[in-house]
Amino acid sequence: MRRRHPDEGIEKKGKAIVTRRTPSPPLPPNLPEEIVEEILLTHPASSLVQLRSVCRSWRTLISSSRFTNEHLRRSIFLDPTLTQPRIAYYSLYKYPTIGVFSVQSLLDNKHKPTNVASFKAPRHFWIYGSCNGLLCLAHETDTGVMNCILWNPCTGSTSESAPQITGGFGFYGFGYDHISDRYKLIGYLQESRSNKSTIIYTFAPNSSWRTIPAEDDVDFTPLGHPPDECPIYDCNNMEGVFVSNTLNWIVDRYRGYDVVLSFDLGTETYCYLSLPERDPEEEDDPCLSVASVLRDCLAVCFEHKRTHWAVWLMKEYGVTQSWTRLALIPHPVGYNPNVSHYLRPKYLFENDVLLAISPSSKIVLYNLNDDNKDGPLVPMIDGSGDGMESRSVNALSKGFIVYHESLVSPSHYGIASKRPLIKPNKPTTTVS
């Protein structure tokens, strides 16, 4: 006996039974494209990566440079939740793995280890900065040749390698020049023992390395730069921090004072910025300064009376009078300020919790609304599963970079993209 369709009705006409199908309600018309786009723009970047597989039109829209730029603009100026902050870390001892985990998870999961996505690379990479969701990676071959690529951990897209560079060189930082709408990598070329020149690579089609002659009276060696014979150094202090279209790092003893050296990515010129005026009692403190970016402001951290770290923010970039002390953080028990380790601020939460890397390379959280006399909160993070070669537990073992998820792709800037060079490891691991 045939089952009756739920939309069917039964009518009797004489002795015959006639089956009548009730028409289904019409489907709603397709939403206009501009409405679909507006809805999609309210989703975080990580969700949009998954939504690309819904249909071809969504994939085309989400992958377009116009949509990507609008999503990035909204995440910067309107809704920061659209681009979640994350930390990428790498080994300084040439191990081909990059780990990534959520910054927010350190607060949300206080009683269990933070989940980490482990990425397997074809070779060991250093990370020389992040901007708009892109990480700048560099690899040095055994013959001293350096290759540089861009990588977006959120989308998996990578760029073709920049032209190889050889000789006595090093990198200072990576950033976005909004004037030319290009990403740039800045470094130096050691032409002689006493002569350095700035080198610049602009990530663009058919680009090449450019050299800017050394400016008179400009010493752009970052504070704590290692001697030439030292192959391993703390990249966390070498990284030029990107803010207000400039790269910034602290240089040692310009005219008797430590200062911030600022490189404008648009004009490609240098200038000096004074550090906060220190207490007279601090004059003999060891010089352990480090620059970072907190809440889109240039920040510095240095010793305070050999008992604390002082964290300062430049509220208005370029205006030295706008330096404001954010916090005084006490040294942990047993800390020796005479050794070349320091606190490295990395991120400031909305609830005034500061995420930092401690002198022992631990990820720590300081509540700036408390006195922190009992020390910082140390999140439950297990580093045994990251697969990296463990030679040291100090600040030289890993490099940490904070970045924000985005949909930005090298292809949006005419840079040829490769098939993903860096692929997720399975299973997911945990890390410190």
Protein backbone atom coordinates (compact mmCIF):
# COMPACT_ATOMS: atom_id res chain seq x y z
CA MET A 1 0.00 0.00 0.00
CA ARG A 2 1.42 3.39 -1.04
CA ARG A 3 2.18 5.82 1.78
CA ARG A 4 0.40 9.13 1.51
CA HIS A 5 2.65 12.13 1.02
CA PRO A 6 2.30 14.53 3.96
CA ASP A 7 1.30 17.28 1.53
CA GLU A 8 -1.44 15.19 0.00
CA GLY A 9 -5.12 15.50 0.85
CA ILE A 10 -7.96 13.00 0.15
CA GLU A 11 -11.15 13.83 -1.69
CA LYS A 12 -14.10 11.52 -2.49
CA LYS A 13 -15.79 11.87 -5.88
CA GLY A 14 -18.60 9.35 -5.93
CA LYS A 15 -17.10 5.95 -5.23
CA ALA A 16 -13.66 7.01 -6.39
CA ILE A 17 -11.02 8.32 -4.04
CA VAL A 18 -8.94 11.12 -5.61
CA THR A 19 -5.61 12.08 -4.13
CA ARG A 20 -4.86 15.81 -4.20
CA ARG A 21 -1.36 17.20 -3.52
CA THR A 22 -1.21 20.48 -1.62
CA PRO A 23 1.46 22.70 -3.19
CA SER A 24 4.51 23.38 -0.92
CA PRO A 25 5.07 26.97 0.11
CA PRO A 26 7.47 28.73 -2.25
CA LEU A 27 11.09 29.06 -1.17
CA PRO A 28 12.18 32.55 -0.19
CA PRO A 29 13.92 34.39 -3.00
CA ASN A 30 17.72 34.51 -2.99
CA LEU A 31 19.13 37.33 -0.90
CA PRO A 32 20.76 40.14 -2.85
CA GLU A 33 24.51 39.81 -3.12
CA GLU A 34 25.12 42.97 -1.10
CA ILE A 35 23.09 41.55 1.80
CA VAL A 36 24.99 38.25 1.69
CA GLU A 37 28.26 40.18 1.71
CA GLU A 38 27.19 42.32 4.65
CA ILE A 39 26.25 39.22 6.65
CA LEU A 40 29.54 37.49 5.87
CA LEU A 41 31.50 40.57 6.90
CA THR A 42 30.23 40.08 10.46
CA HIS A 43 32.01 36.72 10.81
CA PRO A 44 35.57 36.23 12.15
CA ALA A 45 38.30 35.46 9.64
CA SER A 46 38.67 31.86 10.87
CA SER A 47 34.94 31.20 10.30
CA LEU A 48 35.04 32.71 6.82
CA VAL A 49 37.82 30.33 5.82
CA GLN A 50 35.41 27.46 6.52
CA LEU A 51 32.53 29.19 4.76
CA ARG A 52 34.49 29.39 1.51
CA SER A 53 33.47 25.78 0.85
CA VAL A 54 29.72 26.50 0.96
CA CYS A 55 29.47 27.42 -2.71
CA ARG A 56 31.53 28.84 -5.55
CA SER A 57 30.10 32.35 -5.29
CA TRP A 58 30.94 32.56 -1.58
CA ARG A 59 34.45 31.30 -2.22
CA THR A 60 34.98 33.91 -4.93
CA LEU A 61 33.63 36.68 -2.71
CA ILE A 62 35.53 35.75 0.46
CA SER A 63 38.78 35.27 -1.47
CA SER A 64 38.57 38.63 -3.24
CA SER A 65 40.91 41.46 -2.25
CA ARG A 66 37.99 43.89 -1.97
CA PHE A 67 36.19 41.73 0.59
CA THR A 68 39.44 40.99 2.43
CA ASN A 69 40.35 44.68 2.73
CA GLU A 70 36.89 45.62 3.98
CA HIS A 71 36.95 42.80 6.55
CA LEU A 72 40.40 43.93 7.71
CA ARG A 73 39.25 47.56 7.94
CA ARG A 74 36.27 46.61 10.08
CA SER A 75 38.35 44.40 12.35
CA ILE A 76 40.79 47.26 12.98
CA PHE A 77 38.38 50.15 13.41
CA LEU A 78 34.97 48.68 14.26
CA ASP A 79 35.01 45.15 15.67
CA PRO A 80 38.31 43.61 16.88
CA THR A 81 36.57 40.26 17.47
CA LEU A 82 36.66 39.68 13.71
CA THR A 83 40.40 39.04 13.88
CA GLN A 84 41.42 36.97 16.88
CA PRO A 85 44.91 37.51 18.35
CA ARG A 86 47.14 34.45 18.28
CA ILE A 87 50.74 33.61 19.08
CA ALA A 88 53.08 31.89 16.65
CA TYR A 89 56.28 30.47 18.06
CA TYR A 90 59.32 28.82 16.54
CA SER A 91 62.54 27.21 17.67
CA LEU A 92 65.77 29.18 17.48
CA TYR A 93 67.63 25.90 17.05
CA LYS A 94 66.64 25.06 13.45
CA TYR A 95 63.69 22.76 13.98
CA PRO A 96 61.09 22.82 11.13
CA THR A 97 57.95 23.34 13.21
CA ILE A 98 55.81 26.40 13.93
CA GLY A 99 53.24 26.33 16.72
CA VAL A 100 50.15 28.52 16.90
CA PHE A 101 47.64 29.04 19.70
CA SER A 102 44.94 31.48 20.75
CA VAL A 103 45.85 34.32 23.08
CA GLN A 104 42.34 34.34 24.54
CA SER A 105 42.60 30.66 25.44
CA LEU A 106 45.19 31.53 28.06
CA LEU A 107 42.47 33.36 30.00
CA ASP A 108 39.57 31.06 29.15
CA ASN A 109 41.26 27.75 29.99
CA LYS A 110 43.07 28.44 33.24
CA HIS A 111 42.72 24.87 34.53
CA LYS A 112 43.79 22.88 31.48
CA PRO A 113 46.59 23.11 28.93
CA THR A 114 46.12 25.44 25.99
CA ASN A 115 45.52 23.71 22.66
CA VAL A 116 48.19 24.36 20.06
CA ALA A 117 48.08 23.84 16.31
CA SER A 118 51.45 22.54 15.18
CA PHE A 119 52.54 23.28 11.61
CA LYS A 120 55.19 21.29 9.78
CA ALA A 121 57.45 23.32 7.48
CA PRO A 122 59.80 21.92 4.82
CA ARG A 123 62.70 23.62 6.62
CA HIS A 124 63.44 25.73 9.67
CA PHE A 125 62.12 29.30 9.55
CA TRP A 126 62.69 32.35 11.70
CA ILE A 127 59.75 34.74 12.00
CA TYR A 128 60.77 38.36 11.50
CA GLY A 129 57.47 40.04 12.19
CA SER A 130 53.73 40.02 11.59
CA CYS A 131 51.34 42.50 10.04
CA ASN A 132 47.66 42.24 9.05
CA GLY A 133 47.66 38.48 9.56
CA LEU A 134 50.77 37.83 7.46
CA LEU A 135 53.97 36.43 8.98
CA CYS A 136 57.33 37.10 7.36
CA LEU A 137 59.42 33.93 7.45
CA ALA A 138 63.10 33.59 6.62
CA HIS A 139 65.27 30.53 6.04
CA GLU A 140 69.05 30.46 5.80
CA THR A 141 70.69 27.66 3.87
CA ASP A 142 73.95 25.97 4.85
CA THR A 143 75.74 28.14 2.27
CA GLY A 144 74.54 31.39 3.85
CA VAL A 145 71.79 32.15 1.33
CA MET A 146 68.61 33.66 2.79
CA ASN A 147 65.12 32.99 1.45
CA CYS A 148 62.05 34.94 2.65
CA ILE A 149 58.36 34.20 2.20
CA LEU A 150 54.99 35.44 3.49
CA TRP A 151 52.58 33.06 5.21
CA ASN A 152 49.02 33.48 6.45
CA PRO A 153 48.39 30.79 9.11
CA CYS A 154 44.63 31.43 9.00
CA THR A 155 44.16 30.76 5.27
CA GLY A 156 47.29 28.68 4.67
CA SER A 157 48.41 30.85 1.75
CA THR A 158 52.13 31.38 1.16
CA SER A 159 54.08 33.49 -1.29
CA GLU A 160 56.90 32.63 -3.58
CA SER A 161 60.30 33.30 -2.07
CA ALA A 162 61.86 36.72 -2.36
CA PRO A 163 65.09 36.88 -4.37
CA GLN A 164 67.92 35.26 -2.48
CA ILE A 165 70.32 37.45 -0.57
CA THR A 166 73.85 36.64 0.55
CA GLY A 167 76.65 38.30 2.46
CA GLY A 168 76.82 39.96 5.84
CA PHE A 169 73.19 40.85 6.47
CA GLY A 170 70.47 40.73 9.09
CA PHE A 171 66.81 41.66 9.37
CA TYR A 172 65.20 44.28 11.60
CA GLY A 173 61.49 43.92 10.94
CA PHE A 174 58.50 43.60 8.67
CA GLY A 175 55.54 45.93 8.14
CA TYR A 176 52.91 47.37 5.84
CA ASP A 177 53.38 50.70 4.06
CA HIS A 178 49.89 52.14 3.65
CA ILE A 179 51.22 54.83 1.29
CA SER A 180 52.41 52.40 -1.38
CA ASP A 181 49.99 49.63 -0.27
CA ARG A 182 52.90 47.19 -0.02
CA TYR A 183 54.56 45.01 2.59
CA LYS A 184 58.25 45.60 3.25
CA LEU A 185 61.08 43.72 4.95
CA ILE A 186 63.85 45.91 6.41
CA GLY A 187 67.38 44.83 7.28
CA TYR A 188 71.02 45.78 7.02
CA LEU A 189 73.96 44.88 4.84
CA GLN A 190 77.39 44.82 6.49
CA GLU A 191 79.59 46.31 3.79
CA SER A 192 82.57 46.56 6.12
CA ARG A 193 83.25 46.32 9.84
CA SER A 194 82.38 49.99 10.28
CA ASN A 195 79.88 50.52 7.48
CA LYS A 196 76.29 49.28 7.27
CA SER A 197 73.58 50.09 4.78
CA THR A 198 69.85 49.61 5.02
CA ILE A 199 68.39 46.97 2.69
CA ILE A 200 64.70 46.86 1.76
CA TYR A 201 62.61 44.27 0.01
CA THR A 202 59.13 45.25 -1.15
CA PHE A 203 56.83 42.27 -1.63
CA ALA A 204 55.58 43.01 -5.13
CA PRO A 205 55.76 41.46 -8.61
CA ASN A 206 59.28 41.48 -10.12
CA SER A 207 60.69 43.19 -7.01
CA SER A 208 64.31 43.09 -5.90
CA TRP A 209 66.40 44.07 -2.90
CA ARG A 210 67.27 47.76 -2.66
CA THR A 211 70.05 49.42 -0.70
CA ILE A 212 69.81 52.81 1.00
CA PRO A 213 73.16 54.44 1.69
CA ALA A 214 74.01 54.75 5.37
CA GLU A 215 72.94 58.07 6.84
CA ASP A 216 75.46 60.16 8.72
CA ASP A 217 75.24 59.87 12.49
CA VAL A 218 72.77 56.97 12.35
CA ASP A 219 73.70 53.79 14.18
CA PHE A 220 70.81 51.41 13.61
CA THR A 221 72.25 48.44 15.49
CA PRO A 222 69.51 47.21 17.85
CA LEU A 223 70.18 47.06 21.54
CA GLY A 224 71.73 43.73 22.48
CA HIS A 225 72.83 42.90 18.93
CA PRO A 226 75.07 39.83 19.13
CA PRO A 227 78.70 39.74 18.02
CA ASP A 228 79.26 38.59 14.45
CA GLU A 229 80.55 35.20 15.59
CA CYS A 230 77.38 34.45 17.58
CA PRO A 231 74.90 32.58 15.32
CA ILE A 232 72.08 32.42 17.87
CA TYR A 233 70.57 35.43 19.56
CA ASP A 234 67.33 36.49 21.13
CA CYS A 235 65.16 37.48 18.18
CA ASN A 236 62.49 38.75 20.55
CA ASN A 237 64.65 41.80 21.21
CA MET A 238 65.82 42.18 17.61
CA GLU A 239 62.35 42.40 16.10
CA GLY A 240 61.47 45.90 14.94
CA VAL A 241 57.93 46.54 16.13
CA PHE A 242 55.45 47.94 13.62
CA VAL A 243 53.23 50.88 14.57
CA SER A 244 51.95 53.96 12.70
CA ASN A 245 53.61 53.02 9.39
CA THR A 246 57.01 52.73 11.08
CA LEU A 247 59.35 50.05 12.39
CA ASN A 248 60.87 50.78 15.79
CA TRP A 249 63.64 49.27 17.87
CA ILE A 250 65.85 50.43 20.71
CA VAL A 251 69.45 51.29 19.88
CA ASP A 252 72.32 51.46 22.30
CA ARG A 253 73.87 54.69 23.53
CA TYR A 254 73.16 57.38 20.94
CA ARG A 255 75.00 60.42 22.29
CA GLY A 256 75.15 58.71 25.67
CA TYR A 257 71.48 57.67 25.82
CA ASP A 258 69.44 54.70 24.70
CA VAL A 259 66.79 55.78 22.21
CA VAL A 260 64.09 54.38 19.94
CA LEU A 261 65.15 54.37 16.30
CA SER A 262 62.16 54.75 14.00
CA PHE A 263 62.15 53.85 10.30
CA ASP A 264 59.31 55.32 8.24
CA LEU A 265 58.20 52.73 5.66
CA GLY A 266 56.72 55.42 3.41
CA THR A 267 59.59 57.92 3.22
CA GLU A 268 62.22 55.25 4.02
CA THR A 269 64.02 57.56 6.41
CA TYR A 270 65.17 57.28 10.04
CA CYS A 271 64.54 59.42 13.08
CA TYR A 272 65.20 59.10 16.81
CA LEU A 273 62.56 59.07 19.55
CA SER A 274 63.51 59.69 23.16
CA LEU A 275 62.69 57.06 25.73
CA PRO A 276 60.65 58.00 28.82
CA GLU A 277 62.51 60.21 31.23
CA ARG A 278 63.83 57.96 33.96
CA ASP A 279 64.08 58.56 37.66
CA PRO A 280 67.57 59.83 38.71
CA GLU A 281 67.86 56.76 40.93
CA GLU A 282 67.63 54.57 37.81
CA GLU A 283 70.69 55.98 36.08
CA ASP A 284 72.90 53.07 37.13
CA ASP A 285 70.33 50.40 36.34
CA PRO A 286 71.40 47.82 33.76
CA CYS A 287 70.20 48.67 30.27
CA LEU A 288 67.58 46.01 29.60
CA SER A 289 65.04 47.71 27.39
CA VAL A 290 62.73 46.06 24.89
CA ALA A 291 60.11 47.52 22.55
CA SER A 292 56.66 46.13 21.79
CA VAL A 293 53.18 47.22 20.72
CA LEU A 294 50.32 47.25 23.23
CA ARG A 295 46.85 48.42 22.19
CA ASP A 296 48.28 49.89 18.99
CA CYS A 297 50.73 52.02 20.98
CA LEU A 298 54.51 51.83 20.99
CA ALA A 299 55.58 50.36 24.33
CA VAL A 300 58.92 49.92 26.08
CA CYS A 301 59.92 47.94 29.14
CA PHE A 302 63.07 48.45 31.21
CA GLU A 303 64.53 48.11 34.66
CA HIS A 304 63.21 50.24 37.53
CA LYS A 305 65.49 50.56 40.59
CA ARG A 306 66.61 46.93 40.16
CA THR A 307 63.39 45.76 41.81
CA HIS A 308 60.72 46.15 39.11
CA TRP A 309 60.11 46.37 35.39
CA ALA A 310 58.56 49.61 34.19
CA VAL A 311 56.19 49.35 31.20
CA TRP A 312 55.53 52.60 29.32
CA LEU A 313 53.15 53.46 26.46
CA MET A 314 53.58 56.25 23.93
CA LYS A 315 49.93 57.30 23.77
CA GLU A 316 50.47 59.51 20.70
CA TYR A 317 53.06 58.13 18.35
CA GLY A 318 56.04 60.40 17.80
CA VAL A 319 55.18 62.69 20.72
CA THR A 320 57.70 61.90 23.43
CA GLN A 321 55.69 63.94 25.95
CA SER A 322 52.91 61.35 25.63
CA TRP A 323 54.95 58.60 27.30
CA THR A 324 52.78 57.23 30.12
CA ARG A 325 53.80 54.62 32.63
CA LEU A 326 51.41 51.72 32.36
CA ALA A 327 52.67 49.54 35.20
CA LEU A 328 55.44 48.64 37.61
CA ILE A 329 55.87 44.89 37.78
CA PRO A 330 57.96 43.37 40.60
CA HIS A 331 60.86 41.06 39.83
CA PRO A 332 60.30 37.42 40.76
CA VAL A 333 62.23 35.96 43.67
CA GLY A 334 65.77 35.11 42.64
CA TYR A 335 65.81 37.32 39.55
CA ASN A 336 69.24 38.81 38.79
CA PRO A 337 69.00 42.14 36.89
CA ASN A 338 72.67 41.95 35.95
CA VAL A 339 72.12 39.14 33.44
CA SER A 340 70.89 39.96 29.92
CA HIS A 341 67.35 38.68 30.29
CA TYR A 342 64.26 40.79 30.72
CA LEU A 343 60.48 40.85 30.64
CA ARG A 344 59.02 41.01 27.13
CA PRO A 345 55.43 42.36 27.01
CA LYS A 346 53.44 40.88 24.13
CA TYR A 347 49.73 41.64 24.51
CA LEU A 348 47.40 43.66 26.74
CA PHE A 349 43.87 42.34 27.27
CA GLU A 350 40.88 44.63 27.66
CA ASN A 351 40.67 43.71 31.36
CA ASP A 352 44.23 45.04 31.89
CA VAL A 353 45.90 41.65 32.03
CA LEU A 354 49.35 41.81 30.47
CA LEU A 355 50.69 38.80 28.60
CA ALA A 356 54.47 38.67 28.62
CA ILE A 357 57.42 36.35 28.14
CA SER A 358 59.37 36.01 31.38
CA PRO A 359 63.18 35.91 31.61
CA SER A 360 62.95 32.12 31.83
CA SER A 361 60.94 32.03 28.58
CA LYS A 362 57.67 31.22 30.34
CA ILE A 363 54.40 32.73 29.15
CA VAL A 364 53.03 34.69 32.10
CA LEU A 365 49.98 36.87 32.85
CA TYR A 366 50.11 39.94 35.09
CA ASN A 367 46.95 41.56 36.38
CA LEU A 368 47.82 45.24 36.24
CA ASN A 369 45.02 46.05 38.67
CA ASP A 370 46.74 43.99 41.41
CA ASP A 371 50.12 44.36 43.08
CA ASN A 372 51.24 40.93 41.78
CA LYS A 373 53.25 40.36 44.95
CA ASP A 374 52.54 36.65 44.66
CA GLY A 375 53.93 36.65 41.15
CA PRO A 376 52.20 36.29 37.79
CA LEU A 377 49.68 33.71 36.71
CA VAL A 378 51.45 31.00 34.74
CA PRO A 379 48.96 29.37 32.35
CA MET A 380 48.89 25.58 32.19
CA ILE A 381 50.84 25.00 29.00
CA ASP A 382 52.65 21.76 28.25
CA GLY A 383 55.65 22.10 25.95
CA SER A 384 56.49 18.43 25.76
CA GLY A 385 54.46 17.76 22.64
CA ASP A 386 55.65 20.49 20.29
CA GLY A 387 58.32 18.28 18.74
CA MET A 388 60.97 20.97 18.93
CA GLU A 389 64.51 20.20 19.90
CA SER A 390 64.84 21.12 23.55
CA ARG A 391 68.34 22.42 24.23
CA SER A 392 67.57 25.26 26.59
CA VAL A 393 64.88 26.48 28.95
CA ASN A 394 66.00 30.11 28.85
CA ALA A 395 64.90 33.00 26.64
CA LEU A 396 67.02 31.77 23.73
CA SER A 397 65.01 28.61 23.11
CA LYS A 398 61.95 29.97 21.28
CA GLY A 399 60.77 33.10 19.52
CA PHE A 400 57.21 34.37 20.05
CA ILE A 401 55.22 36.58 17.67
CA VAL A 402 51.69 37.92 18.26
CA TYR A 403 49.55 38.21 15.14
CA HIS A 404 45.88 38.74 14.30
CA GLU A 405 43.96 36.42 12.01
CA SER A 406 42.95 37.84 8.65
CA LEU A 407 42.08 36.83 5.09
CA VAL A 408 44.97 38.77 3.52
CA SER A 409 46.73 36.79 0.81
CA PRO A 410 50.00 37.53 -1.03
CA SER A 411 48.06 37.06 -4.26
CA HIS A 412 46.06 40.22 -3.47
CA TYR A 413 49.27 42.17 -4.09
CA GLY A 414 50.22 40.47 -7.32
CA ILE A 415 52.62 38.08 -5.59
CA ALA A 416 52.47 34.57 -6.92
CA SER A 417 51.20 32.13 -4.31
CA LYS A 418 52.48 28.63 -3.88
CA ARG A 419 50.60 25.59 -2.75
CA PRO A 420 50.76 25.50 1.05
CA LEU A 421 54.37 24.93 2.09
CA ILE A 422 53.47 24.84 5.76
CA LYS A 423 50.87 22.25 6.65
CA PRO A 424 49.12 21.35 9.91
CA ASN A 425 50.57 18.51 11.90
CA LYS A 426 48.26 15.86 13.29
CA PRO A 427 47.36 15.37 16.01
CA THR A 428 47.00 18.76 17.64
CA THR A 429 49.60 19.28 20.36
CA THR A 430 50.20 21.57 23.29
CA VAL A 431 53.16 23.89 23.87
CA SER A 432 54.71 26.52 26.07
